[in-house]
C-alpha atoms as a PDB file:
ATOM      1  CA  MET A   1     -12.240 -14.411  13.060  1.00  0.00           C
ATOM      2  CA  ASN A   2     -13.841 -13.681  16.426  1.00  0.00           C
ATOM      3  CA  ALA A   3     -12.847 -11.478  19.357  1.00  0.00           C
ATOM      4  CA  GLN A   4     -10.889 -14.302  21.022  1.00  0.00           C
ATOM      5  CA  ASP A   5      -8.880 -14.866  17.821  1.00  0.00           C
ATOM      6  CA  ILE A   6      -8.219 -11.131  17.487  1.00  0.00           C
ATOM      7  CA  HIS A   7      -7.051 -10.927  21.084  1.00  0.00           C
ATOM      8  CA  GLU A   8      -4.721 -13.923  20.741  1.00  0.00           C
ATOM      9  CA  LYS A   9      -3.300 -12.808  17.401  1.00  0.00           C
ATOM     10  CA  PHE A  10      -2.994  -9.037  17.806  1.00  0.00           C
ATOM     11  CA  PHE A  11      -2.614  -8.393  21.571  1.00  0.00           C
ATOM     12  CA  ARG A  12       0.243  -9.027  24.000  1.00  0.00           C
ATOM     13  CA  ASP A  13      -0.024  -8.119  27.671  1.00  0.00           C
ATOM     14  CA  GLY A  14      -3.212  -6.159  27.001  1.00  0.00           C
ATOM     15  CA  LYS A  15      -1.640  -3.979  24.290  1.00  0.00           C
ATOM     16  CA  LEU A  16      -2.587  -4.027  20.629  1.00  0.00           C
ATOM     17  CA  LEU A  17       0.536  -4.828  18.597  1.00  0.00           C
ATOM     18  CA  VAL A  18      -0.758  -3.867  15.169  1.00  0.00           C
ATOM     19  CA  ILE A  19      -4.038  -2.877  13.550  1.00  0.00           C
ATOM     20  CA  PRO A  20      -5.097  -5.741  11.257  1.00  0.00           C
ATOM     21  CA  LYS A  21      -5.002  -5.140   7.513  1.00  0.00           C
ATOM     22  CA  LYS A  22      -7.960  -7.323   6.563  1.00  0.00           C
ATOM     23  CA  LEU A  23     -11.301  -5.546   6.743  1.00  0.00           C
ATOM     24  CA  LYS A  24     -13.075  -8.386   8.564  1.00  0.00           C
ATOM     25  CA  SER A  25     -10.337  -8.524  11.201  1.00  0.00           C
ATOM     26  CA  LYS A  26     -10.527  -4.748  11.635  1.00  0.00           C
ATOM     27  CA  GLN A  27     -14.280  -4.958  12.092  1.00  0.00           C
ATOM     28  CA  VAL A  28     -13.924  -7.623  14.773  1.00  0.00           C
ATOM     29  CA  LEU A  29     -11.241  -5.551  16.525  1.00  0.00           C
ATOM     30  CA  PHE A  30     -13.333  -2.384  16.422  1.00  0.00           C
ATOM     31  CA  ALA A  31     -16.410  -4.233  17.697  1.00  0.00           C
ATOM     32  CA  TYR A  32     -14.300  -5.635  20.546  1.00  0.00           C
ATOM     33  CA  LEU A  33     -13.013  -2.154  21.452  1.00  0.00           C
ATOM     34  CA  GLN A  34     -16.543  -0.772  21.244  1.00  0.00           C
ATOM     35  CA  GLU A  35     -17.799  -3.466  23.643  1.00  0.00           C
ATOM     36  CA  GLU A  36     -14.999  -2.780  26.108  1.00  0.00           C
ATOM     37  CA  LEU A  37     -15.614   0.965  26.000  1.00  0.00           C
ATOM     38  CA  ALA A  38     -19.375   0.438  26.365  1.00  0.00           C
ATOM     39  CA  LYS A  39     -18.727  -1.277  29.711  1.00  0.00           C
ATOM     40  CA  LYS A  40     -17.680   2.155  30.997  1.00  0.00           C
ATOM     41  CA  GLY A  41     -20.736   4.042  29.707  1.00  0.00           C
ATOM     42  CA  SER A  42     -22.338   5.280  26.503  1.00  0.00           C
ATOM     43  CA  THR A  43     -21.228   8.919  26.250  1.00  0.00           C
ATOM     44  CA  PHE A  44     -17.653  10.142  26.627  1.00  0.00           C
ATOM     45  CA  THR A  45     -15.462  13.187  26.227  1.00  0.00           C
ATOM     46  CA  GLU A  46     -12.598  13.011  23.742  1.00  0.00           C
ATOM     47  CA  LYS A  47     -10.200  12.884  26.683  1.00  0.00           C
ATOM     48  CA  GLU A  48     -11.995   9.818  28.094  1.00  0.00           C
ATOM     49  CA  VAL A  49     -11.955   8.040  24.720  1.00  0.00           C
ATOM     50  CA  ASN A  50      -8.259   8.872  24.306  1.00  0.00           C
ATOM     51  CA  ALA A  51      -7.430   7.561  27.784  1.00  0.00           C
ATOM     52  CA  PHE A  52      -9.241   4.280  27.110  1.00  0.00           C
ATOM     53  CA  LEU A  53      -7.609   3.782  23.703  1.00  0.00           C
ATOM     54  CA  ALA A  54      -4.140   4.800  24.958  1.00  0.00           C
ATOM     55  CA  GLU A  55      -4.277   1.839  27.348  1.00  0.00           C
ATOM     56  CA  VAL A  56      -4.645  -0.410  24.307  1.00  0.00           C
ATOM     57  CA  TYR A  57      -2.501   1.196  21.585  1.00  0.00           C
ATOM     58  CA  ASP A  58       0.108   3.953  21.475  1.00  0.00           C
ATOM     59  CA  ASP A  59      -1.456   5.669  18.449  1.00  0.00           C
ATOM     60  CA  TYR A  60      -4.836   6.123  20.118  1.00  0.00           C
ATOM     61  CA  ALA A  61      -5.801   8.891  17.671  1.00  0.00           C
ATOM     62  CA  ILE A  62      -5.821   6.501  14.694  1.00  0.00           C
ATOM     63  CA  LEU A  63      -7.962   4.025  16.645  1.00  0.00           C
ATOM     64  CA  ARG A  64     -10.387   6.811  17.562  1.00  0.00           C
ATOM     65  CA  ARG A  65     -10.545   7.886  13.915  1.00  0.00           C
ATOM     66  CA  TYR A  66     -11.214   4.302  12.772  1.00  0.00           C
ATOM     67  CA  LEU A  67     -13.940   3.812  15.379  1.00  0.00           C
ATOM     68  CA  VAL A  68     -15.691   6.945  14.136  1.00  0.00           C
ATOM     69  CA  ASP A  69     -15.092   6.290  10.421  1.00  0.00           C
ATOM     70  CA  TYR A  70     -16.321   2.693  10.641  1.00  0.00           C
ATOM     71  CA  GLY A  71     -19.416   3.698  12.634  1.00  0.00           C
ATOM     72  CA  TYR A  72     -18.608   2.217  16.049  1.00  0.00           C
ATOM     73  CA  LEU A  73     -18.519   5.656  17.680  1.00  0.00           C
ATOM     74  CA  SER A  74     -20.153   8.916  16.711  1.00  0.00           C
ATOM     75  CA  ARG A  75     -19.165  12.378  17.801  1.00  0.00           C
ATOM     76  CA  ASP A  76     -20.847  15.736  17.938  1.00  0.00           C
ATOM     77  CA  GLN A  77     -19.965  18.378  15.371  1.00  0.00           C
ATOM     78  CA  TYR A  78     -17.394  19.925  17.703  1.00  0.00           C
ATOM     79  CA  GLY A  79     -15.681  16.654  18.625  1.00  0.00           C
ATOM     80  CA  LEU A  80     -16.442  17.207  22.298  1.00  0.00           C
ATOM     81  CA  GLU A  81     -18.797  14.281  22.897  1.00  0.00           C
ATOM     82  CA  TYR A  82     -18.489  10.706  21.661  1.00  0.00           C
ATOM     83  CA  ARG A  83     -21.261   8.120  21.764  1.00  0.00           C
ATOM     84  CA  ILE A  84     -21.336   4.370  21.377  1.00  0.00           C
ATOM     85  CA  GLU A  85     -23.269   3.470  18.227  1.00  0.00           C
ATOM     86  CA  GLU A  86     -25.640   0.512  18.022  1.00  0.00           C
ATOM     87  CA  LYS A  87     -23.973  -2.833  17.455  1.00  0.00           C
ATOM     88  CA  ARG A  88     -23.583  -3.742  13.828  1.00  0.00           C
END
């Protein structure tokens, strides 16, 4: 599954309907979100990450957590600064 497939299957009107259950689909989704966020810069505050993710999905906190847990974003020890990680 590629980014186009993910977008067609899981997005409507620019909003994510559901987070995929399959690991591979999640990875493609997270890579897509990482690419979109990277277009805006490489370092962000938590507020900026939240604002970006809230445009995509109502539960932006779970998306932020997944992006960090799966290695697409990193954050400083205080959670104040988020960085785009190298593409996987």
